[in-house]
C-alpha atoms as a PDB file:
ATOM      1  CA  MET A   1     -18.152  13.103   9.450  1.00  0.00           C
ATOM      2  CA  GLU A   2     -18.840  10.402   6.790  1.00  0.00           C
ATOM      3  CA  ILE A   3     -17.150  10.903   3.395  1.00  0.00           C
ATOM      4  CA  LEU A   4     -18.506   9.869   0.234  1.00  0.00           C
ATOM      5  CA  GLN A   5     -15.367   8.431  -1.285  1.00  0.00           C
ATOM      6  CA  ASP A   6     -16.462   5.616   0.585  1.00  0.00           C
ATOM      7  CA  TYR A   7     -18.988   4.329  -1.527  1.00  0.00           C
ATOM      8  CA  SER A   8     -19.112   2.614  -4.747  1.00  0.00           C
ATOM      9  CA  LEU A   9     -22.112   3.900  -7.519  1.00  0.00           C
ATOM     10  CA  ASP A  10     -24.578   1.843  -6.553  1.00  0.00           C
ATOM     11  CA  GLU A  11     -24.237   2.897  -2.755  1.00  0.00           C
ATOM     12  CA  LEU A  12     -24.367   6.433  -3.517  1.00  0.00           C
ATOM     13  CA  THR A  13     -27.214   6.205  -5.624  1.00  0.00           C
ATOM     14  CA  GLN A  14     -29.070   4.944  -2.276  1.00  0.00           C
ATOM     15  CA  LYS A  15     -27.309   7.732  -0.343  1.00  0.00           C
ATOM     16  CA  ILE A  16     -28.992  10.646  -3.287  1.00  0.00           C
ATOM     17  CA  LEU A  17     -31.943   8.875  -3.272  1.00  0.00           C
ATOM     18  CA  ALA A  18     -32.577   8.788   0.479  1.00  0.00           C
ATOM     19  CA  LEU A  19     -31.877  13.037   0.262  1.00  0.00           C
ATOM     20  CA  ASN A  20     -34.849  12.997  -2.062  1.00  0.00           C
ATOM     21  CA  GLU A  21     -32.852  13.840  -5.163  1.00  0.00           C
ATOM     22  CA  GLN A  22     -33.134  12.364  -8.923  1.00  0.00           C
ATOM     23  CA  LYS A  23     -30.683   9.463  -9.473  1.00  0.00           C
ATOM     24  CA  PHE A  24     -28.748  10.574 -12.141  1.00  0.00           C
ATOM     25  CA  ARG A  25     -27.179  12.725  -9.315  1.00  0.00           C
ATOM     26  CA  ALA A  26     -25.595  10.289  -8.002  1.00  0.00           C
ATOM     27  CA  LYS A  27     -23.426   9.764 -11.485  1.00  0.00           C
ATOM     28  CA  GLN A  28     -22.519  12.926 -11.417  1.00  0.00           C
ATOM     29  CA  ILE A  29     -21.716  13.653  -7.691  1.00  0.00           C
ATOM     30  CA  TYR A  30     -19.059   9.787  -8.103  1.00  0.00           C
ATOM     31  CA  ASP A  31     -18.075  11.393 -11.226  1.00  0.00           C
ATOM     32  CA  ASN A  32     -16.446  14.497  -9.590  1.00  0.00           C
ATOM     33  CA  ILE A  33     -15.060  12.561  -6.622  1.00  0.00           C
ATOM     34  CA  ASN A  34     -13.236   9.856  -8.686  1.00  0.00           C
ATOM     35  CA  LEU A  35     -12.033  13.306 -10.136  1.00  0.00           C
ATOM     36  CA  GLY A  36     -10.277  14.174  -7.214  1.00  0.00           C
ATOM     37  CA  LYS A  37     -12.574  17.002  -6.341  1.00  0.00           C
ATOM     38  CA  SER A  38     -14.185  18.474  -3.293  1.00  0.00           C
ATOM     39  CA  ILE A  39     -18.056  18.831  -2.564  1.00  0.00           C
ATOM     40  CA  SER A  40     -17.240  22.523  -2.317  1.00  0.00           C
ATOM     41  CA  SER A  41     -16.264  22.140  -5.801  1.00  0.00           C
ATOM     42  CA  PHE A  42     -18.744  20.537  -7.773  1.00  0.00           C
ATOM     43  CA  SER A  43     -20.062  23.351 -10.810  1.00  0.00           C
ATOM     44  CA  ASN A  44     -23.156  20.384 -12.132  1.00  0.00           C
ATOM     45  CA  ILE A  45     -25.377  20.540  -8.999  1.00  0.00           C
ATOM     46  CA  SER A  46     -27.388  22.873  -7.148  1.00  0.00           C
ATOM     47  CA  LYS A  47     -26.316  24.853  -4.121  1.00  0.00           C
ATOM     48  CA  ASP A  48     -29.040  23.097  -2.044  1.00  0.00           C
ATOM     49  CA  LEU A  49     -27.498  19.639  -2.613  1.00  0.00           C
ATOM     50  CA  LYS A  50     -24.434  20.951  -2.082  1.00  0.00           C
ATOM     51  CA  ALA A  51     -25.338  22.208   1.009  1.00  0.00           C
ATOM     52  CA  LYS A  52     -27.277  18.839   1.718  1.00  0.00           C
ATOM     53  CA  LEU A  53     -24.292  16.895   1.147  1.00  0.00           C
ATOM     54  CA  LEU A  54     -21.672  19.139   3.057  1.00  0.00           C
ATOM     55  CA  ALA A  55     -24.290  18.839   6.124  1.00  0.00           C
ATOM     56  CA  GLU A  56     -23.493  15.225   6.146  1.00  0.00           C
ATOM     57  CA  TYR A  57     -19.902  14.522   4.574  1.00  0.00           C
ATOM     58  CA  GLU A  58     -16.700  16.105   4.246  1.00  0.00           C
ATOM     59  CA  ASP A  59     -16.052  18.472   1.801  1.00  0.00           C
ATOM     60  CA  ILE A  60     -12.843  16.265   0.903  1.00  0.00           C
ATOM     61  CA  PRO A  61     -11.033  13.290   2.793  1.00  0.00           C
ATOM     62  CA  LEU A  62      -7.615  14.735   2.886  1.00  0.00           C
ATOM     63  CA  LYS A  63      -5.416  16.887   1.110  1.00  0.00           C
ATOM     64  CA  ILE A  64      -1.510  17.560   0.632  1.00  0.00           C
ATOM     65  CA  HIS A  65       0.269  18.282   3.411  1.00  0.00           C
ATOM     66  CA  THR A  66       4.016  18.155   2.288  1.00  0.00           C
ATOM     67  CA  GLU A  67       5.355  16.761  -1.038  1.00  0.00           C
ATOM     68  CA  GLN A  68       8.999  15.985  -1.383  1.00  0.00           C
ATOM     69  CA  HIS A  69      10.872  16.056  -4.658  1.00  0.00           C
ATOM     70  CA  SER A  70      13.596  13.194  -5.394  1.00  0.00           C
ATOM     71  CA  HIS A  71      16.246  13.458  -7.817  1.00  0.00           C
ATOM     72  CA  ASP A  72      15.152  10.573  -9.777  1.00  0.00           C
ATOM     73  CA  GLY A  73      11.660  12.145 -10.058  1.00  0.00           C
ATOM     74  CA  THR A  74       9.867  10.323  -6.833  1.00  0.00           C
ATOM     75  CA  ILE A  75       7.445  12.321  -4.970  1.00  0.00           C
ATOM     76  CA  LYS A  76       6.906  11.821  -1.345  1.00  0.00           C
ATOM     77  CA  PHE A  77       3.438  12.760  -0.302  1.00  0.00           C
ATOM     78  CA  ALA A  78       2.269  13.491   3.325  1.00  0.00           C
ATOM     79  CA  TYR A  79      -1.246  13.523   3.166  1.00  0.00           C
ATOM     80  CA  GLU A  80      -3.813  15.690   6.094  1.00  0.00           C
ATOM     81  CA  LEU A  81      -7.014  13.704   6.838  1.00  0.00           C
ATOM     82  CA  SER A  82      -9.870  15.347   7.408  1.00  0.00           C
ATOM     83  CA  ASP A  83      -9.247  15.110  11.405  1.00  0.00           C
ATOM     84  CA  LYS A  84      -5.701  16.440  10.867  1.00  0.00           C
ATOM     85  CA  ASN A  85      -3.624  12.887  11.100  1.00  0.00           C
ATOM     86  CA  ILE A  86      -0.898  12.383   8.842  1.00  0.00           C
ATOM     87  CA  ILE A  87      -0.657   9.460   6.448  1.00  0.00           C
ATOM     88  CA  GLU A  88       1.939   9.064   3.655  1.00  0.00           C
ATOM     89  CA  GLY A  89       2.408   7.794  -0.036  1.00  0.00           C
ATOM     90  CA  VAL A  90       4.877   7.940  -2.652  1.00  0.00           C
ATOM     91  CA  LEU A  91       4.761   8.227  -6.400  1.00  0.00           C
ATOM     92  CA  MET A  92       7.533   6.247  -8.737  1.00  0.00           C
ATOM     93  CA  GLN A  93       7.567   7.267 -12.042  1.00  0.00           C
ATOM     94  CA  TYR A  94       8.471   4.796 -14.620  1.00  0.00           C
ATOM     95  CA  LYS A  95       8.559   4.434 -18.248  1.00  0.00           C
ATOM     96  CA  TYR A  96       5.948   2.069 -18.218  1.00  0.00           C
ATOM     97  CA  GLY A  97       3.672   4.368 -16.166  1.00  0.00           C
ATOM     98  CA  ASN A  98       2.922   5.464 -12.621  1.00  0.00           C
ATOM     99  CA  THR A  99       3.294   3.489  -9.251  1.00  0.00           C
ATOM    100  CA  LEU A 100       1.407   4.772  -6.201  1.00  0.00           C
ATOM    101  CA  CYS A 101       2.689   3.801  -3.252  1.00  0.00           C
ATOM    102  CA  VAL A 102      -0.619   4.038  -0.181  1.00  0.00           C
ATOM    103  CA  SER A 103      -1.077   3.808   3.518  1.00  0.00           C
ATOM    104  CA  THR A 104      -3.812   1.686   4.801  1.00  0.00           C
ATOM    105  CA  GLN A 105      -3.554   2.867   8.788  1.00  0.00           C
ATOM    106  CA  VAL A 106      -2.560   5.801  10.758  1.00  0.00           C
ATOM    107  CA  GLY A 107       0.824   4.437  11.920  1.00  0.00           C
ATOM    108  CA  CYS A 108       0.752   0.863  12.682  1.00  0.00           C
ATOM    109  CA  ARG A 109       1.065  -2.011  15.498  1.00  0.00           C
ATOM    110  CA  MET A 110       2.806  -4.476  13.866  1.00  0.00           C
ATOM    111  CA  GLY A 111       6.390  -3.541  15.478  1.00  0.00           C
ATOM    112  CA  CYS A 112       9.228  -4.391  13.301  1.00  0.00           C
ATOM    113  CA  LYS A 113      12.251  -3.457  14.186  1.00  0.00           C
ATOM    114  CA  PHE A 114      13.334  -1.601  10.846  1.00  0.00           C
ATOM    115  CA  CYS A 115      10.682   0.696  10.132  1.00  0.00           C
ATOM    116  CA  ALA A 116       9.571   3.857  11.322  1.00  0.00           C
ATOM    117  CA  SER A 117       5.581   3.660  10.722  1.00  0.00           C
ATOM    118  CA  THR A 118       5.469   2.069  13.906  1.00  0.00           C
ATOM    119  CA  LEU A 119       7.755   3.977  16.216  1.00  0.00           C
ATOM    120  CA  HIS A 120       4.195   6.043  17.659  1.00  0.00           C
ATOM    121  CA  GLY A 121       1.822   2.769  17.497  1.00  0.00           C
ATOM    122  CA  LEU A 122      -1.187   2.447  15.736  1.00  0.00           C
ATOM    123  CA  THR A 123      -3.685   5.484  15.619  1.00  0.00           C
ATOM    124  CA  ARG A 124      -6.452   4.002  13.324  1.00  0.00           C
ATOM    125  CA  ASN A 125      -7.384   2.293  10.539  1.00  0.00           C
ATOM    126  CA  LEU A 126      -8.142   3.955   6.971  1.00  0.00           C
ATOM    127  CA  THR A 127     -11.597   3.846   5.506  1.00  0.00           C
ATOM    128  CA  ALA A 128     -11.458   2.455   1.706  1.00  0.00           C
ATOM    129  CA  GLY A 129     -12.495   5.844   0.856  1.00  0.00           C
ATOM    130  CA  GLU A 130      -9.510   7.242   2.519  1.00  0.00           C
ATOM    131  CA  ILE A 131      -7.355   4.967   1.124  1.00  0.00           C
ATOM    132  CA  LEU A 132      -8.689   5.593  -2.375  1.00  0.00           C
ATOM    133  CA  ALA A 133      -8.422   9.191  -1.837  1.00  0.00           C
ATOM    134  CA  GLN A 134      -5.097   8.960  -1.868  1.00  0.00           C
ATOM    135  CA  VAL A 135      -5.106   7.813  -5.520  1.00  0.00           C
ATOM    136  CA  LEU A 136      -7.491  10.058  -6.565  1.00  0.00           C
ATOM    137  CA  VAL A 137      -5.762  13.368  -5.183  1.00  0.00           C
ATOM    138  CA  VAL A 138      -2.407  12.352  -6.766  1.00  0.00           C
ATOM    139  CA  ASN A 139      -4.149  11.463 -10.278  1.00  0.00           C
ATOM    140  CA  ALA A 140      -5.604  14.801 -10.568  1.00  0.00           C
ATOM    141  CA  LEU A 141      -2.263  16.591  -9.590  1.00  0.00           C
ATOM    142  CA  LEU A 142      -0.845  14.959 -12.890  1.00  0.00           C
ATOM    143  CA  GLY A 143      -3.742  15.697 -14.605  1.00  0.00           C
ATOM    144  CA  GLY A 144      -5.179  12.258 -14.752  1.00  0.00           C
ATOM    145  CA  LYS A 145      -9.233  11.558 -15.333  1.00  0.00           C
ATOM    146  CA  THR A 146     -10.787   8.245 -14.474  1.00  0.00           C
ATOM    147  CA  GLY A 147     -10.648   4.939 -16.950  1.00  0.00           C
ATOM    148  CA  LYS A 148      -8.272   4.654 -19.852  1.00  0.00           C
ATOM    149  CA  HIS A 149      -7.369   8.490 -19.075  1.00  0.00           C
ATOM    150  CA  ARG A 150      -5.924   7.938 -15.380  1.00  0.00           C
ATOM    151  CA  LYS A 151      -2.187   8.976 -14.904  1.00  0.00           C
ATOM    152  CA  ILE A 152      -2.029   6.178 -12.200  1.00  0.00           C
ATOM    153  CA  THR A 153      -1.042   2.291 -13.441  1.00  0.00           C
ATOM    154  CA  ASN A 154       0.092   0.980 -10.380  1.00  0.00           C
ATOM    155  CA  ILE A 155      -0.763   0.604  -6.800  1.00  0.00           C
ATOM    156  CA  VAL A 156       1.185  -0.771  -4.062  1.00  0.00           C
ATOM    157  CA  LEU A 157      -0.485  -1.118  -0.556  1.00  0.00           C
ATOM    158  CA  MET A 158       3.353  -1.087   0.993  1.00  0.00           C
ATOM    159  CA  GLY A 159       2.627   2.482   2.774  1.00  0.00           C
ATOM    160  CA  MET A 160       1.878   3.075   6.302  1.00  0.00           C
ATOM    161  CA  GLY A 161       0.025   0.139   7.905  1.00  0.00           C
ATOM    162  CA  GLU A 162      -0.592  -3.251   7.557  1.00  0.00           C
ATOM    163  CA  PRO A 163      -3.106  -3.732   5.013  1.00  0.00           C
ATOM    164  CA  LEU A 164      -4.123  -6.978   6.465  1.00  0.00           C
ATOM    165  CA  ASP A 165      -4.724  -5.797   9.920  1.00  0.00           C
ATOM    166  CA  ASN A 166      -7.040  -3.497   7.822  1.00  0.00           C
ATOM    167  CA  TYR A 167      -8.955  -6.470   5.812  1.00  0.00           C
ATOM    168  CA  ASP A 168     -12.588  -5.366   5.091  1.00  0.00           C
ATOM    169  CA  ASN A 169     -11.369  -1.696   4.237  1.00  0.00           C
ATOM    170  CA  VAL A 170      -8.295  -2.925   1.991  1.00  0.00           C
ATOM    171  CA  VAL A 171     -10.504  -5.228   0.246  1.00  0.00           C
ATOM    172  CA  LYS A 172     -13.429  -2.989  -0.091  1.00  0.00           C
ATOM    173  CA  PHE A 173     -10.886   0.042  -2.124  1.00  0.00           C
ATOM    174  CA  ILE A 174      -9.486  -2.438  -4.370  1.00  0.00           C
ATOM    175  CA  ARG A 175     -13.086  -3.040  -5.580  1.00  0.00           C
ATOM    176  CA  LEU A 176     -13.856   0.970  -5.753  1.00  0.00           C
ATOM    177  CA  VAL A 177     -10.462   1.517  -7.201  1.00  0.00           C
ATOM    178  CA  SER A 178     -11.128  -1.336 -10.000  1.00  0.00           C
ATOM    179  CA  ALA A 179     -14.689   0.111 -10.874  1.00  0.00           C
ATOM    180  CA  PRO A 180     -15.218   0.651 -14.580  1.00  0.00           C
ATOM    181  CA  GLU A 181     -16.980   3.514 -14.112  1.00  0.00           C
ATOM    182  CA  SER A 182     -13.769   4.842 -11.373  1.00  0.00           C
ATOM    183  CA  LEU A 183     -10.090   4.379 -12.448  1.00  0.00           C
ATOM    184  CA  ASN A 184     -10.347   1.256 -13.310  1.00  0.00           C
ATOM    185  CA  ILE A 185      -7.124   0.209 -12.414  1.00  0.00           C
ATOM    186  CA  SER A 186      -7.058  -3.685 -12.845  1.00  0.00           C
ATOM    187  CA  PRO A 187      -6.318  -5.886  -9.529  1.00  0.00           C
ATOM    188  CA  ARG A 188      -3.599  -7.519 -11.256  1.00  0.00           C
ATOM    189  CA  ASN A 189      -1.274  -4.091 -11.049  1.00  0.00           C
ATOM    190  CA  ILE A 190      -2.218  -3.877  -7.545  1.00  0.00           C
ATOM    191  CA  SER A 191       0.109  -5.467  -4.983  1.00  0.00           C
ATOM    192  CA  VAL A 192      -0.595  -6.044  -1.685  1.00  0.00           C
ATOM    193  CA  SER A 193       2.205  -6.272   1.121  1.00  0.00           C
ATOM    194  CA  THR A 194       1.853  -8.203   4.676  1.00  0.00           C
ATOM    195  CA  CYS A 195       4.023  -9.196   6.944  1.00  0.00           C
ATOM    196  CA  GLY A 196       2.245 -12.127   7.477  1.00  0.00           C
ATOM    197  CA  LEU A 197      -1.199 -12.221   9.043  1.00  0.00           C
ATOM    198  CA  VAL A 198      -2.147 -15.890   8.399  1.00  0.00           C
ATOM    199  CA  PRO A 199      -6.125 -16.165   8.342  1.00  0.00           C
ATOM    200  CA  ASN A 200      -6.620 -13.019   6.104  1.00  0.00           C
ATOM    201  CA  ILE A 201      -3.798 -14.671   3.483  1.00  0.00           C
ATOM    202  CA  TYR A 202      -6.088 -17.532   3.487  1.00  0.00           C
ATOM    203  CA  ARG A 203      -9.349 -14.876   3.642  1.00  0.00           C
ATOM    204  CA  LEU A 204      -7.300 -13.144   1.123  1.00  0.00           C
ATOM    205  CA  ALA A 205      -7.393 -15.999  -1.592  1.00  0.00           C
ATOM    206  CA  GLU A 206     -11.202 -16.516  -1.303  1.00  0.00           C
ATOM    207  CA  GLU A 207     -11.912 -13.031  -2.571  1.00  0.00           C
ATOM    208  CA  SER A 208     -11.598 -13.326  -6.594  1.00  0.00           C
ATOM    209  CA  LEU A 209      -9.018 -10.645  -6.686  1.00  0.00           C
ATOM    210  CA  PRO A 210      -5.844 -11.338  -9.162  1.00  0.00           C
ATOM    211  CA  ILE A 211      -3.528  -9.029  -6.776  1.00  0.00           C
ATOM    212  CA  ILE A 212      -0.178  -9.806  -6.475  1.00  0.00           C
ATOM    213  CA  LEU A 213       0.197 -11.181  -2.884  1.00  0.00           C
ATOM    214  CA  THR A 214       4.044  -9.774  -1.444  1.00  0.00           C
ATOM    215  CA  ILE A 215       5.219 -11.448   1.652  1.00  0.00           C
ATOM    216  CA  SER A 216       7.432  -9.059   4.112  1.00  0.00           C
ATOM    217  CA  LEU A 217       9.969 -12.133   4.831  1.00  0.00           C
ATOM    218  CA  HIS A 218      13.169 -10.309   5.616  1.00  0.00           C
ATOM    219  CA  ALA A 219      14.300 -13.111   7.314  1.00  0.00           C
ATOM    220  CA  PRO A 220      14.892 -17.253   6.405  1.00  0.00           C
ATOM    221  CA  ASN A 221      14.081 -18.523   9.917  1.00  0.00           C
ATOM    222  CA  ASP A 222      11.443 -18.180  12.824  1.00  0.00           C
ATOM    223  CA  THR A 223      14.118 -17.342  15.379  1.00  0.00           C
ATOM    224  CA  LEU A 224      15.871 -14.706  13.393  1.00  0.00           C
ATOM    225  CA  ARG A 225      12.485 -13.207  12.284  1.00  0.00           C
ATOM    226  CA  LYS A 226      11.356 -13.083  16.039  1.00  0.00           C
ATOM    227  CA  THR A 227      14.760 -10.424  16.729  1.00  0.00           C
ATOM    228  CA  ILE A 228      13.213  -7.844  14.331  1.00  0.00           C
ATOM    229  CA  MET A 229       9.840  -8.708  13.581  1.00  0.00           C
ATOM    230  CA  PRO A 230       7.333  -9.163  16.520  1.00  0.00           C
ATOM    231  CA  ILE A 231       4.636 -11.225  14.429  1.00  0.00           C
ATOM    232  CA  ALA A 232       6.894 -14.062  14.259  1.00  0.00           C
ATOM    233  CA  ASN A 233       5.820 -14.846  17.668  1.00  0.00           C
ATOM    234  CA  ARG A 234       2.252 -15.374  16.662  1.00  0.00           C
ATOM    235  CA  TYR A 235       2.795 -16.890  12.905  1.00  0.00           C
ATOM    236  CA  SER A 236       5.733 -18.979  11.585  1.00  0.00           C
ATOM    237  CA  ILE A 237       7.421 -19.336   8.340  1.00  0.00           C
ATOM    238  CA  ASP A 238       5.815 -22.713   7.775  1.00  0.00           C
ATOM    239  CA  GLU A 239       2.297 -21.113   8.589  1.00  0.00           C
ATOM    240  CA  ILE A 240       3.150 -18.241   5.856  1.00  0.00           C
ATOM    241  CA  ILE A 241       4.356 -20.558   3.529  1.00  0.00           C
ATOM    242  CA  LYS A 242       1.700 -22.840   3.559  1.00  0.00           C
ATOM    243  CA  ALA A 243      -1.180 -19.994   2.906  1.00  0.00           C
ATOM    244  CA  THR A 244       0.808 -18.500  -0.042  1.00  0.00           C
ATOM    245  CA  LYS A 245       0.912 -21.756  -1.405  1.00  0.00           C
ATOM    246  CA  TYR A 246      -2.529 -21.748  -0.988  1.00  0.00           C
ATOM    247  CA  TYR A 247      -3.115 -18.504  -2.318  1.00  0.00           C
ATOM    248  CA  PHE A 248      -1.330 -19.606  -5.479  1.00  0.00           C
ATOM    249  CA  GLU A 249      -3.399 -22.467  -5.849  1.00  0.00           C
ATOM    250  CA  LYS A 250      -6.544 -20.477  -5.414  1.00  0.00           C
ATOM    251  CA  THR A 251      -5.538 -17.424  -7.619  1.00  0.00           C
ATOM    252  CA  GLY A 252      -2.948 -18.709 -10.071  1.00  0.00           C
ATOM    253  CA  ARG A 253      -0.351 -15.643  -9.093  1.00  0.00           C
ATOM    254  CA  ARG A 254       2.780 -15.828  -8.153  1.00  0.00           C
ATOM    255  CA  VAL A 255       3.658 -14.700  -4.741  1.00  0.00           C
ATOM    256  CA  VAL A 256       6.170 -12.189  -4.266  1.00  0.00           C
ATOM    257  CA  PHE A 257       8.725 -12.727  -0.873  1.00  0.00           C
ATOM    258  CA  GLU A 258      10.028  -9.028   0.310  1.00  0.00           C
ATOM    259  CA  TYR A 259      13.583  -9.002   1.493  1.00  0.00           C
ATOM    260  CA  ALA A 260      15.304  -6.304   3.362  1.00  0.00           C
ATOM    261  CA  LEU A 261      18.945  -6.691   3.494  1.00  0.00           C
ATOM    262  CA  ILE A 262      19.935  -6.063   6.776  1.00  0.00           C
ATOM    263  CA  ASP A 263      23.688  -5.732   7.266  1.00  0.00           C
ATOM    264  CA  GLY A 264      25.366  -8.459   9.860  1.00  0.00           C
ATOM    265  CA  VAL A 265      21.309  -9.645  10.426  1.00  0.00           C
ATOM    266  CA  ASN A 266      20.544 -11.714   7.558  1.00  0.00           C
ATOM    267  CA  ASN A 267      22.444 -11.548   4.437  1.00  0.00           C
ATOM    268  CA  THR A 268      25.015 -14.391   4.841  1.00  0.00           C
ATOM    269  CA  ARG A 269      25.113 -17.308   2.910  1.00  0.00           C
ATOM    270  CA  GLU A 270      23.510 -19.552   5.422  1.00  0.00           C
ATOM    271  CA  CYS A 271      20.800 -17.214   5.240  1.00  0.00           C
ATOM    272  CA  ALA A 272      20.608 -17.371   1.526  1.00  0.00           C
ATOM    273  CA  ILE A 273      20.600 -21.230   1.438  1.00  0.00           C
ATOM    274  CA  GLU A 274      17.839 -21.149   3.613  1.00  0.00           C
ATOM    275  CA  LEU A 275      15.612 -18.122   1.877  1.00  0.00           C
ATOM    276  CA  ALA A 276      16.181 -20.230  -1.164  1.00  0.00           C
ATOM    277  CA  LYS A 277      15.195 -23.352   0.348  1.00  0.00           C
ATOM    278  CA  LEU A 278      11.668 -22.072   1.806  1.00  0.00           C
ATOM    279  CA  VAL A 279      10.605 -20.656  -1.668  1.00  0.00           C
ATOM    280  CA  ARG A 280      11.287 -23.432  -3.544  1.00  0.00           C
ATOM    281  CA  GLY A 281       8.418 -25.590  -5.357  1.00  0.00           C
ATOM    282  CA  PHE A 282       6.167 -22.689  -5.987  1.00  0.00           C
ATOM    283  CA  PRO A 283       6.157 -19.804  -8.387  1.00  0.00           C
ATOM    284  CA  THR A 284       7.693 -17.069  -6.247  1.00  0.00           C
ATOM    285  CA  HIS A 285      10.210 -14.364  -6.401  1.00  0.00           C
ATOM    286  CA  ILE A 286      12.392 -12.674  -3.826  1.00  0.00           C
ATOM    287  CA  ASN A 287      12.225  -8.623  -3.862  1.00  0.00           C
ATOM    288  CA  LEU A 288      15.712  -7.872  -2.141  1.00  0.00           C
ATOM    289  CA  ILE A 289      15.445  -4.575  -0.645  1.00  0.00           C
ATOM    290  CA  PRO A 290      18.625  -2.894   0.534  1.00  0.00           C
ATOM    291  CA  LEU A 291      17.251  -1.209   3.975  1.00  0.00           C
ATOM    292  CA  ASN A 292      16.440   2.039   3.728  1.00  0.00           C
ATOM    293  CA  GLU A 293      17.943   3.078   7.563  1.00  0.00           C
ATOM    294  CA  VAL A 294      15.728   4.992  10.053  1.00  0.00           C
ATOM    295  CA  LYS A 295      17.698   7.290  12.342  1.00  0.00           C
ATOM    296  CA  GLU A 296      15.852   6.176  15.369  1.00  0.00           C
ATOM    297  CA  ARG A 297      16.974   2.609  14.835  1.00  0.00           C
ATOM    298  CA  ALA A 298      19.986   0.660  15.135  1.00  0.00           C
ATOM    299  CA  LEU A 299      19.858  -1.092  12.020  1.00  0.00           C
ATOM    300  CA  LYS A 300      22.195  -0.970   8.690  1.00  0.00           C
ATOM    301  CA  THR A 301      21.820  -1.704   5.357  1.00  0.00           C
ATOM    302  CA  VAL A 302      24.290  -3.131   2.858  1.00  0.00           C
ATOM    303  CA  SER A 303      26.430  -1.874   0.003  1.00  0.00           C
ATOM    304  CA  HIS A 304      25.656  -2.404  -3.596  1.00  0.00           C
ATOM    305  CA  LYS A 305      28.646  -5.332  -3.686  1.00  0.00           C
ATOM    306  CA  GLN A 306      26.757  -6.813  -0.669  1.00  0.00           C
ATOM    307  CA  ALA A 307      23.425  -6.702  -2.123  1.00  0.00           C
ATOM    308  CA  GLU A 308      24.528  -8.586  -5.356  1.00  0.00           C
ATOM    309  CA  GLN A 309      26.754 -11.033  -3.749  1.00  0.00           C
ATOM    310  CA  PHE A 310      23.463 -11.965  -1.778  1.00  0.00           C
ATOM    311  CA  LYS A 311      21.252 -12.215  -5.097  1.00  0.00           C
ATOM    312  CA  ALA A 312      24.154 -14.413  -6.675  1.00  0.00           C
ATOM    313  CA  MET A 313      24.182 -16.907  -3.473  1.00  0.00           C
ATOM    314  CA  LEU A 314      20.112 -17.495  -4.122  1.00  0.00           C
ATOM    315  CA  GLU A 315      20.383 -17.551  -7.892  1.00  0.00           C
ATOM    316  CA  GLN A 316      22.941 -20.046  -7.257  1.00  0.00           C
ATOM    317  CA  GLN A 317      20.130 -22.046  -5.471  1.00  0.00           C
ATOM    318  CA  GLY A 318      17.854 -21.802  -8.230  1.00  0.00           C
ATOM    319  CA  ALA A 319      15.900 -18.925  -6.716  1.00  0.00           C
ATOM    320  CA  SER A 320      14.113 -16.083  -8.828  1.00  0.00           C
ATOM    321  CA  VAL A 321      15.078 -12.741  -7.660  1.00  0.00           C
ATOM    322  CA  THR A 322      15.961  -9.483  -8.508  1.00  0.00           C
ATOM    323  CA  ILE A 323      17.535  -6.141  -6.137  1.00  0.00           C
ATOM    324  CA  ARG A 324      14.811  -3.392  -6.109  1.00  0.00           C
ATOM    325  CA  ARG A 325      15.944  -0.015  -7.494  1.00  0.00           C
ATOM    326  CA  THR A 326      17.050   2.216  -4.748  1.00  0.00           C
ATOM    327  CA  MET A 327      14.939   5.421  -5.124  1.00  0.00           C
ATOM    328  CA  ALA A 328      14.097   8.619  -2.991  1.00  0.00           C
ATOM    329  CA  ASP A 329      17.875   8.109  -1.243  1.00  0.00           C
ATOM    330  CA  ASP A 330      17.983  11.517  -0.875  1.00  0.00           C
ATOM    331  CA  ILE A 331      14.718  12.515   0.758  1.00  0.00           C
ATOM    332  CA  ASP A 332      12.413  10.785   3.809  1.00  0.00           C
ATOM    333  CA  GLY A 333      12.416   7.912   2.008  1.00  0.00           C
ATOM    334  CA  ALA A 334      12.172   4.935   4.676  1.00  0.00           C
ATOM    335  CA  CYS A 335       7.692   4.950   5.328  1.00  0.00           C
ATOM    336  CA  GLY A 336       6.813   7.047   7.961  1.00  0.00           C
ATOM    337  CA  GLN A 337      10.143   9.396   8.344  1.00  0.00           C
ATOM    338  CA  LEU A 338       7.948  12.302   6.495  1.00  0.00           C
ATOM    339  CA  ARG A 339       5.089  11.744   9.196  1.00  0.00           C
ATOM    340  CA  ASN A 340       7.511  11.578  12.274  1.00  0.00           C
ATOM    341  CA  HIS A 341       9.236  15.164  11.374  1.00  0.00           C
ATOM    342  CA  ILE A 342       6.026  16.751  10.959  1.00  0.00           C
ATOM    343  CA  VAL A 343       4.279  15.001  13.945  1.00  0.00           C
ATOM    344  CA  GLU A 344       7.333  15.595  16.420  1.00  0.00           C
END
């Protein structure tokens, strides 16, 4: 069955008119779904209209299946979709607001060697409304409403799946969640992470969406990258850099390069020099991430001292760089771990 969360207000209005209902009902329904409510809980429409909706649409696209709470305030969610598939999300609470990491696919087919999300491959894409529903359910959990009364202030598309492998639904999600009549989260507060699907980076540059583009790079040369990221066999780092430069030219938005530090693999001085050289010449930032170890993988993380040393080497080369603060290290922090425990 379809879900109401897939529709903009204009699209929903056409659906409601097709049910021979008055136009104002669409706004009532739209407001309800943006508050994270199920159809069966709507209190301002008739039983007959509820019955019409429930005959065609899922009562609610997803529900929270499991929560894990970290000592640092981070909350890991496993969501159960209406088809019983499980996806993940993470709420990170900062002084400046609440950031929600959302999934874009059930599983992933990219095959990165350090990632738990890809262990079982790709099951299916999420619809735009299923991505949105993750935000709506957590916003409601925190007591948030819509517009300026929302509790979710920032969104990162860095959960399960490769966002640009589900391009159309991801772009529609961004338009839905940033709509003034919905949560009105500015695209400038939304980050989209990709392992480097070059054609879709160019497409994204043309969308007039000033989002933050984040490239999961994790290696400074193609030879090394191919050993940990299969996508490197299709698109070279040179192609990715050219695409990101085009993205900056079109949007004026600085590109962020994510670099998971893997002990003995990509944290040498030579790697630091190569990496700094790669991102030189246009506004970029490197976000170093001490690897979140996955028990099914043999790769190991670095110590705090090693991370600081690598950061210092990059800064000596003139790079803008930070180390991502380690969060949720006492729960299933790596993306895909919680889901894997549930579906095993």
